[in-house]
Amino acid sequence: MTGANLSPADMSHAMLVAILMHHGGSIDLPASAFEPDALGGPDGAWHAVGMEPQTDGTVRITVHPRPDVDQAGMTTY
């Protein structure tokens, strides 16, 4: 897995592209997926994405609450 030198914004973009490409380039979501309550706030900044390599060669991508600190950072494995 690569990406250790990407900014958090670039890593988020790369993960989105990887997910979409894995699903044939598009995925259907309900409009409610973009409401502030679903995103974690007006700009969606209250969530963080985690990536964890699995023993079968896949990568688990998860979304969880972002730490309430400035520049929480990003951990790569």
N, C-alpha and C. Protein backbone atom coordinates (compact mmCIF):
# COMPACT_ATOMS: atom_id res chain seq x y z
N MET A 1 0.86 -1.17 0.00
CA MET A 1 0.00 0.00 0.00
C MET A 1 0.90 1.23 0.00
N THR A 2 0.58 2.19 -0.84
CA THR A 2 1.37 3.40 -0.94
C THR A 2 0.58 4.58 -0.39
N GLY A 3 1.20 5.73 -0.31
CA GLY A 3 0.48 6.93 0.09
C GLY A 3 1.02 7.59 1.34
N ALA A 4 2.14 7.09 1.87
CA ALA A 4 2.68 7.63 3.12
C ALA A 4 3.04 9.10 3.00
N ASN A 5 3.32 9.59 1.79
CA ASN A 5 3.71 10.98 1.63
C ASN A 5 2.57 11.88 1.18
N LEU A 6 1.34 11.36 1.14
CA LEU A 6 0.19 12.16 0.73
C LEU A 6 -0.36 12.95 1.91
N SER A 7 -0.89 14.12 1.61
CA SER A 7 -1.58 14.89 2.65
C SER A 7 -2.88 14.17 2.98
N PRO A 8 -3.49 14.46 4.14
CA PRO A 8 -4.79 13.83 4.44
C PRO A 8 -5.84 14.08 3.36
N ALA A 9 -5.87 15.29 2.78
CA ALA A 9 -6.84 15.58 1.72
C ALA A 9 -6.57 14.73 0.49
N ASP A 10 -5.29 14.61 0.11
CA ASP A 10 -4.93 13.79 -1.05
C ASP A 10 -5.22 12.31 -0.79
N MET A 11 -4.99 11.86 0.45
CA MET A 11 -5.27 10.47 0.80
C MET A 11 -6.77 10.20 0.73
N SER A 12 -7.58 11.13 1.22
CA SER A 12 -9.03 10.97 1.15
C SER A 12 -9.49 10.87 -0.30
N HIS A 13 -8.93 11.72 -1.14
CA HIS A 13 -9.27 11.69 -2.56
C HIS A 13 -8.85 10.36 -3.18
N ALA A 14 -7.66 9.89 -2.87
CA ALA A 14 -7.17 8.63 -3.42
C ALA A 14 -8.06 7.47 -2.98
N MET A 15 -8.51 7.47 -1.72
CA MET A 15 -9.38 6.41 -1.23
C MET A 15 -10.73 6.43 -1.95
N LEU A 16 -11.27 7.63 -2.16
CA LEU A 16 -12.54 7.74 -2.87
C LEU A 16 -12.41 7.20 -4.29
N VAL A 17 -11.36 7.57 -4.98
CA VAL A 17 -11.14 7.08 -6.34
C VAL A 17 -10.98 5.57 -6.33
N ALA A 18 -10.22 5.02 -5.38
CA ALA A 18 -10.01 3.57 -5.30
C ALA A 18 -11.33 2.84 -5.08
N ILE A 19 -12.17 3.35 -4.18
CA ILE A 19 -13.47 2.73 -3.92
C ILE A 19 -14.33 2.76 -5.17
N LEU A 20 -14.41 3.92 -5.80
CA LEU A 20 -15.24 4.03 -7.01
C LEU A 20 -14.73 3.13 -8.13
N MET A 21 -13.44 3.10 -8.35
CA MET A 21 -12.89 2.27 -9.43
C MET A 21 -13.11 0.79 -9.14
N HIS A 22 -13.02 0.39 -7.87
CA HIS A 22 -13.27 -1.00 -7.51
C HIS A 22 -14.72 -1.40 -7.79
N HIS A 23 -15.61 -0.44 -7.72
CA HIS A 23 -17.03 -0.69 -7.98
C HIS A 23 -17.42 -0.32 -9.41
N GLY A 24 -16.47 -0.34 -10.32
CA GLY A 24 -16.77 -0.09 -11.72
C GLY A 24 -16.85 1.38 -12.10
N GLY A 25 -16.41 2.27 -11.23
CA GLY A 25 -16.36 3.70 -11.55
C GLY A 25 -17.49 4.51 -10.95
N SER A 26 -18.50 3.84 -10.41
CA SER A 26 -19.60 4.59 -9.80
C SER A 26 -20.30 3.72 -8.76
N ILE A 27 -21.01 4.38 -7.88
CA ILE A 27 -21.80 3.70 -6.85
C ILE A 27 -23.00 4.59 -6.55
N ASP A 28 -24.15 3.99 -6.37
CA ASP A 28 -25.36 4.75 -6.06
C ASP A 28 -25.53 4.90 -4.56
N LEU A 29 -25.75 6.12 -4.12
CA LEU A 29 -25.98 6.43 -2.71
C LEU A 29 -27.28 7.20 -2.59
N PRO A 30 -27.96 7.06 -1.46
CA PRO A 30 -29.15 7.89 -1.26
C PRO A 30 -28.72 9.34 -1.01
N ALA A 31 -29.54 10.28 -1.40
CA ALA A 31 -29.22 11.70 -1.20
C ALA A 31 -28.97 12.00 0.27
N SER A 32 -29.60 11.25 1.16
CA SER A 32 -29.44 11.49 2.61
C SER A 32 -28.01 11.24 3.08
N ALA A 33 -27.20 10.54 2.28
CA ALA A 33 -25.81 10.29 2.65
C ALA A 33 -24.99 11.57 2.69
N PHE A 34 -25.51 12.64 2.09
CA PHE A 34 -24.78 13.90 2.05
C PHE A 34 -25.33 14.96 3.00
N GLU A 35 -26.28 14.57 3.81
CA GLU A 35 -26.83 15.52 4.79
C GLU A 35 -25.81 15.75 5.90
N PRO A 36 -25.83 16.94 6.52
CA PRO A 36 -24.84 17.25 7.56
C PRO A 36 -24.76 16.20 8.67
N ASP A 37 -25.88 15.64 9.09
CA ASP A 37 -25.83 14.63 10.15
C ASP A 37 -25.06 13.39 9.72
N ALA A 38 -25.17 13.02 8.45
CA ALA A 38 -24.46 11.85 7.95
C ALA A 38 -22.98 12.13 7.76
N LEU A 39 -22.64 13.35 7.37
CA LEU A 39 -21.24 13.71 7.10
C LEU A 39 -20.49 14.13 8.35
N GLY A 40 -21.21 14.51 9.39
CA GLY A 40 -20.54 14.92 10.62
C GLY A 40 -20.44 16.41 10.78
N GLY A 41 -21.14 17.18 10.02
CA GLY A 41 -21.11 18.63 10.15
C GLY A 41 -21.26 19.28 8.79
N PRO A 42 -21.31 20.61 8.78
CA PRO A 42 -21.53 21.33 7.52
C PRO A 42 -20.48 21.04 6.46
N ASP A 43 -19.24 20.77 6.86
CA ASP A 43 -18.18 20.52 5.88
C ASP A 43 -17.66 19.08 5.92
N GLY A 44 -18.29 18.24 6.74
CA GLY A 44 -17.88 16.85 6.82
C GLY A 44 -16.56 16.62 7.51
N ALA A 45 -16.05 17.61 8.23
CA ALA A 45 -14.71 17.53 8.81
C ALA A 45 -14.65 16.80 10.14
N TRP A 46 -15.76 16.29 10.62
CA TRP A 46 -15.73 15.67 11.94
C TRP A 46 -15.51 14.16 11.90
N HIS A 47 -15.13 13.64 10.76
CA HIS A 47 -14.84 12.23 10.63
C HIS A 47 -13.42 12.04 10.09
N ALA A 48 -12.86 10.92 10.42
CA ALA A 48 -11.55 10.55 9.91
C ALA A 48 -11.68 9.20 9.23
N VAL A 49 -10.82 8.95 8.29
CA VAL A 49 -10.82 7.68 7.58
C VAL A 49 -9.61 6.88 8.04
N GLY A 50 -9.84 5.61 8.32
CA GLY A 50 -8.76 4.71 8.70
C GLY A 50 -8.55 3.67 7.62
N MET A 51 -7.31 3.29 7.41
CA MET A 51 -6.98 2.24 6.45
C MET A 51 -6.16 1.18 7.19
N GLU A 52 -6.59 -0.06 7.08
CA GLU A 52 -5.89 -1.14 7.78
C GLU A 52 -5.67 -2.31 6.83
N PRO A 53 -4.42 -2.64 6.54
CA PRO A 53 -4.14 -3.79 5.68
C PRO A 53 -4.65 -5.07 6.34
N GLN A 54 -5.22 -5.96 5.54
CA GLN A 54 -5.71 -7.25 6.02
C GLN A 54 -4.76 -8.36 5.58
N THR A 55 -4.82 -9.48 6.26
CA THR A 55 -3.90 -10.59 5.94
C THR A 55 -4.16 -11.21 4.57
N ASP A 56 -5.34 -10.96 4.00
CA ASP A 56 -5.66 -11.54 2.68
C ASP A 56 -5.27 -10.62 1.53
N GLY A 57 -4.54 -9.54 1.83
CA GLY A 57 -4.07 -8.63 0.79
C GLY A 57 -5.02 -7.47 0.51
N THR A 58 -6.16 -7.43 1.19
CA THR A 58 -7.10 -6.32 1.02
C THR A 58 -6.80 -5.23 2.04
N VAL A 59 -7.48 -4.09 1.89
CA VAL A 59 -7.33 -2.98 2.83
C VAL A 59 -8.73 -2.63 3.34
N ARG A 60 -8.90 -2.61 4.65
CA ARG A 60 -10.17 -2.22 5.24
C ARG A 60 -10.16 -0.70 5.41
N ILE A 61 -11.18 -0.03 4.85
CA ILE A 61 -11.34 1.41 4.98
C ILE A 61 -12.53 1.65 5.90
N THR A 62 -12.31 2.42 6.96
CA THR A 62 -13.36 2.71 7.92
C THR A 62 -13.46 4.21 8.15
N VAL A 63 -14.63 4.63 8.58
CA VAL A 63 -14.85 6.03 8.94
C VAL A 63 -15.21 6.06 10.42
N HIS A 64 -14.58 6.96 11.15
CA HIS A 64 -14.85 7.06 12.58
C HIS A 64 -14.71 8.51 13.01
N PRO A 65 -15.21 8.86 14.19
CA PRO A 65 -15.10 10.26 14.63
C PRO A 65 -13.66 10.74 14.64
N ARG A 66 -13.48 11.96 14.18
CA ARG A 66 -12.15 12.57 14.16
C ARG A 66 -11.82 13.09 15.55
N PRO A 67 -10.56 12.94 15.98
CA PRO A 67 -10.18 13.50 17.28
C PRO A 67 -10.43 15.01 17.31
N ASP A 68 -10.84 15.51 18.43
CA ASP A 68 -11.17 16.92 18.58
C ASP A 68 -9.92 17.76 18.87
N VAL A 69 -8.97 17.71 17.96
CA VAL A 69 -7.73 18.47 18.08
C VAL A 69 -7.37 19.02 16.71
N ASP A 70 -6.60 20.09 16.68
CA ASP A 70 -6.11 20.61 15.41
C ASP A 70 -5.05 19.67 14.86
N GLN A 71 -5.06 19.50 13.55
CA GLN A 71 -4.08 18.70 12.84
C GLN A 71 -3.90 17.33 13.49
N ALA A 72 -5.01 16.59 13.52
CA ALA A 72 -5.01 15.27 14.16
C ALA A 72 -4.05 14.31 13.50
N GLY A 73 -3.70 14.56 12.26
CA GLY A 73 -2.72 13.73 11.59
C GLY A 73 -3.31 12.51 10.92
N MET A 74 -2.44 11.68 10.41
CA MET A 74 -2.84 10.51 9.67
C MET A 74 -1.82 9.42 9.96
N THR A 75 -2.30 8.23 10.22
CA THR A 75 -1.42 7.10 10.45
C THR A 75 -1.50 6.16 9.28
N THR A 76 -0.37 5.76 8.73
CA THR A 76 -0.34 4.79 7.64
C THR A 76 0.43 3.59 8.13
N TYR A 77 0.10 2.44 7.59
CA TYR A 77 0.75 1.19 7.98
C TYR A 77 1.65 0.70 6.89
